[in-house]
Amino acid sequence: MTIPSPKKYKIDRSIKIDRKVLSGTLAFKDIFVGFDKVDAVRQIFGEKTDEQLSKLKVEVFPREGFMGVSDEDGHIFASQYYIRNGAMWSVYLDIVHELVHVRQFFEGKQLFDPAFAYVDRPTEIEAYQVGAMEARRIGMTELEIFEYLEVPWISKAEHLRLAKACNVLLDEIVLNRDNAKTAGNTKK
């Protein structure tokens, strides 16, 4: 995944992530503060937002990796390394994504349905769509969202399918890349 330039995104200042978190099982709100006020999260859980986040647990594991949701009890698991070292915007968007999976789990949906490829699973598409909408809200460009959707375990063709499912404006990305190449080739 290409990391977008270190510009400031519009993540609410009340959002705090405990970047010094130790491994173990902790309360969600002890690590991820303020997410109960995020509109995207409130849309995920509705009136039960406070209740759901108050009882949600996070299992922090002490090695490199990303985040996910247990299909046994719906808790989040997260890499201590990623929480500490991942770009704030990326950890933020991944939490929003994983919270969609938490809700899906409690609705009885199968998170890891083997009948679908990863990028074609209805549960993944919904979670990535919510993440992409939140990425736009915080000020990410279509190219940055496209790059955010590129994860190490999918192919280039799957990446394109996922981007299309998330309504990423691929024509805008191609146009911007072409314009950047043309601008770089201009003689002065």
Protein backbone atom coordinates (compact mmCIF):
# COMPACT_ATOMS: atom_id res chain seq x y z
CA MET A 1 0.00 0.00 0.00
CA THR A 2 1.33 3.45 -0.88
CA ILE A 3 1.00 5.85 2.00
CA PRO A 4 -0.60 9.16 1.04
CA SER A 5 1.43 12.30 1.62
CA PRO A 6 1.49 13.30 5.29
CA LYS A 7 -1.19 15.93 4.95
CA LYS A 8 -3.66 16.60 7.72
CA TYR A 9 -6.99 14.88 7.34
CA LYS A 10 -10.16 16.09 9.07
CA ILE A 11 -10.25 13.51 11.85
CA ASP A 12 -12.08 14.96 14.83
CA ARG A 13 -9.70 16.18 17.53
CA SER A 14 -11.65 14.26 20.16
CA ILE A 15 -10.44 10.98 18.59
CA LYS A 16 -7.56 9.56 20.59
CA ILE A 17 -5.77 6.27 20.01
CA ASP A 18 -3.54 4.88 22.74
CA ARG A 19 -0.41 4.36 20.64
CA LYS A 20 1.51 2.97 23.63
CA VAL A 21 -0.99 0.18 24.22
CA LEU A 22 0.39 -3.04 25.66
CA SER A 23 -0.61 -6.47 24.43
CA GLY A 24 -3.56 -8.15 26.09
CA THR A 25 -7.35 -7.88 26.09
CA LEU A 26 -8.64 -4.40 26.83
CA ALA A 27 -11.85 -2.41 26.62
CA PHE A 28 -12.34 -0.77 23.22
CA LYS A 29 -12.90 2.64 24.79
CA ASP A 30 -9.63 2.39 26.72
CA ILE A 31 -7.67 2.25 23.46
CA PHE A 32 -9.93 4.06 20.98
CA VAL A 33 -11.40 7.18 22.57
CA GLY A 34 -14.10 9.29 20.96
CA PHE A 35 -15.29 6.86 18.30
CA ASP A 36 -18.74 6.87 19.89
CA LYS A 37 -19.06 10.46 18.61
CA VAL A 38 -18.06 9.70 15.00
CA ASP A 39 -21.08 9.96 12.67
CA ALA A 40 -19.96 6.95 10.61
CA VAL A 41 -19.76 4.82 13.78
CA ARG A 42 -23.12 6.11 15.00
CA GLN A 43 -24.59 5.08 11.63
CA ILE A 44 -23.10 1.60 12.03
CA PHE A 45 -24.69 0.93 15.44
CA GLY A 46 -27.49 3.51 15.63
CA GLU A 47 -28.96 4.03 19.08
CA LYS A 48 -26.86 1.16 20.45
CA THR A 49 -23.51 2.84 19.70
CA ASP A 50 -22.58 3.66 23.29
CA GLU A 51 -23.75 0.27 24.56
CA GLN A 52 -21.90 -1.70 21.85
CA LEU A 53 -18.62 0.20 22.20
CA SER A 54 -18.76 0.06 26.01
CA LYS A 55 -18.83 -3.74 26.05
CA LEU A 56 -16.54 -4.32 23.05
CA LYS A 57 -13.14 -5.89 23.75
CA VAL A 58 -9.92 -5.56 21.79
CA GLU A 59 -7.29 -8.27 21.83
CA VAL A 60 -3.95 -6.61 21.15
CA PHE A 61 -1.33 -9.08 19.93
CA PRO A 62 2.41 -8.33 20.17
CA ARG A 63 3.54 -8.72 16.56
CA GLU A 64 3.21 -7.11 13.15
CA GLY A 65 -0.10 -7.38 11.36
CA PHE A 66 -3.33 -5.45 11.00
CA MET A 67 -6.81 -5.77 12.52
CA GLY A 68 -9.73 -8.13 12.30
CA VAL A 69 -12.83 -9.36 14.07
CA SER A 70 -13.23 -12.72 15.76
CA ASP A 71 -15.89 -14.90 14.18
CA GLU A 72 -16.26 -16.65 17.55
CA ASP A 73 -17.39 -13.76 19.78
CA GLY A 74 -17.17 -10.56 17.72
CA HIS A 75 -14.23 -8.91 19.52
CA ILE A 76 -11.60 -6.96 17.60
CA PHE A 77 -8.03 -8.17 17.42
CA ALA A 78 -5.28 -5.73 16.50
CA SER A 79 -1.55 -5.70 16.02
CA GLN A 80 0.27 -3.77 18.73
CA TYR A 81 2.86 -2.83 16.10
CA TYR A 82 0.18 -1.45 13.76
CA ILE A 83 -1.56 0.56 16.49
CA ARG A 84 1.79 2.07 17.49
CA ASN A 85 3.26 2.64 14.04
CA GLY A 86 0.44 2.80 11.52
CA ALA A 87 -0.50 6.18 10.10
CA MET A 88 -3.24 7.74 12.23
CA TRP A 89 -5.63 8.02 9.26
CA SER A 90 -5.08 4.34 8.39
CA VAL A 91 -5.67 3.03 11.93
CA TYR A 92 -8.71 5.33 12.18
CA LEU A 93 -10.25 4.01 8.93
CA ASP A 94 -9.45 0.41 9.84
CA ILE A 95 -11.28 0.81 13.16
CA VAL A 96 -14.35 2.15 11.33
CA HIS A 97 -14.08 -0.83 8.93
CA GLU A 98 -13.77 -3.37 11.75
CA LEU A 99 -16.71 -1.86 13.63
CA VAL A 100 -18.88 -2.68 10.61
CA HIS A 101 -17.76 -6.30 11.02
CA VAL A 102 -18.58 -6.20 14.73
CA ARG A 103 -22.14 -5.14 13.91
CA GLN A 104 -22.37 -7.77 11.16
CA PHE A 105 -21.23 -10.48 13.58
CA PHE A 106 -23.95 -9.56 16.08
CA GLU A 107 -26.50 -9.58 13.25
CA GLY A 108 -25.51 -13.20 12.63
CA LYS A 109 -23.76 -12.64 9.29
CA GLN A 110 -20.98 -14.99 8.26
CA LEU A 111 -17.84 -12.84 8.19
CA PHE A 112 -15.63 -15.33 6.36
CA ASP A 113 -18.00 -16.91 3.87
CA PRO A 114 -15.83 -19.26 1.78
CA ALA A 115 -18.33 -19.09 -1.09
CA PHE A 116 -16.87 -15.68 -1.98
CA ALA A 117 -13.42 -14.34 -2.74
CA TYR A 118 -12.31 -11.83 -0.09
CA VAL A 119 -13.17 -8.75 -2.19
CA ASP A 120 -16.52 -10.19 -3.23
CA ARG A 121 -17.83 -11.02 0.24
CA PRO A 122 -20.87 -8.87 1.00
CA THR A 123 -19.51 -8.26 4.53
CA GLU A 124 -16.17 -6.98 3.21
CA ILE A 125 -17.78 -4.84 0.53
CA GLU A 126 -20.02 -3.14 3.10
CA ALA A 127 -17.12 -2.53 5.50
CA TYR A 128 -14.88 -1.13 2.76
CA GLN A 129 -17.72 1.05 1.42
CA VAL A 130 -18.25 2.59 4.87
CA GLY A 131 -14.48 3.10 5.15
CA ALA A 132 -14.30 4.74 1.72
CA MET A 133 -17.17 7.11 2.56
CA GLU A 134 -15.44 8.07 5.80
CA ALA A 135 -12.16 8.54 3.91
CA ARG A 136 -13.90 11.03 1.60
CA ARG A 137 -15.39 12.81 4.61
CA ILE A 138 -11.98 13.30 6.21
CA GLY A 139 -10.60 14.73 2.95
CA MET A 140 -8.85 11.88 1.17
CA THR A 141 -8.70 12.03 -2.62
CA GLU A 142 -9.99 9.25 -4.84
CA LEU A 143 -6.37 8.23 -5.54
CA GLU A 144 -5.60 8.05 -1.81
CA ILE A 145 -8.72 5.95 -1.22
CA PHE A 146 -7.75 3.68 -4.11
CA GLU A 147 -4.30 3.22 -2.57
CA TYR A 148 -5.81 2.61 0.89
CA LEU A 149 -7.89 -0.24 -0.59
CA GLU A 150 -4.77 -1.99 -1.85
CA VAL A 151 -4.00 -4.63 0.77
CA PRO A 152 -1.20 -7.21 0.55
CA TRP A 153 -3.44 -10.27 0.31
CA ILE A 154 -5.32 -9.33 -2.88
CA SER A 155 -4.31 -9.27 -6.54
CA LYS A 156 -4.35 -6.20 -8.79
CA ALA A 157 -7.58 -7.45 -10.45
CA GLU A 158 -9.20 -7.92 -7.02
CA HIS A 159 -8.01 -4.46 -5.99
CA LEU A 160 -9.79 -2.97 -9.01
CA ARG A 161 -12.98 -4.94 -8.22
CA LEU A 162 -12.90 -3.70 -4.64
CA ALA A 163 -12.35 -0.10 -5.75
CA LYS A 164 -15.31 -0.35 -8.13
CA ALA A 165 -17.49 -1.84 -5.39
CA CYS A 166 -16.54 1.15 -3.20
CA ASN A 167 -17.48 3.59 -5.97
CA VAL A 168 -13.94 4.92 -6.29
CA LEU A 169 -13.87 7.26 -9.26
CA LEU A 170 -11.31 5.37 -11.33
CA ASP A 171 -11.63 7.74 -14.31
CA GLU A 172 -10.63 10.61 -12.02
CA ILE A 173 -7.56 8.68 -10.86
CA VAL A 174 -6.45 7.90 -14.43
CA LEU A 175 -6.99 11.54 -15.44
CA ASN A 176 -5.02 12.84 -12.45
CA ARG A 177 -2.16 10.37 -13.07
CA ASP A 178 -2.06 11.32 -16.77
CA ASN A 179 -2.03 15.03 -15.88
CA ALA A 180 0.79 14.46 -13.38
CA LYS A 181 2.85 12.61 -16.00
CA THR A 182 2.22 15.33 -18.57
CA ALA A 183 3.16 18.06 -16.09
CA GLY A 184 6.38 16.20 -15.26
CA ASN A 185 7.35 16.03 -18.93
CA THR A 186 6.80 19.71 -19.67
CA LYS A 187 9.98 21.56 -20.72
CA LYS A 188 10.61 24.99 -19.30
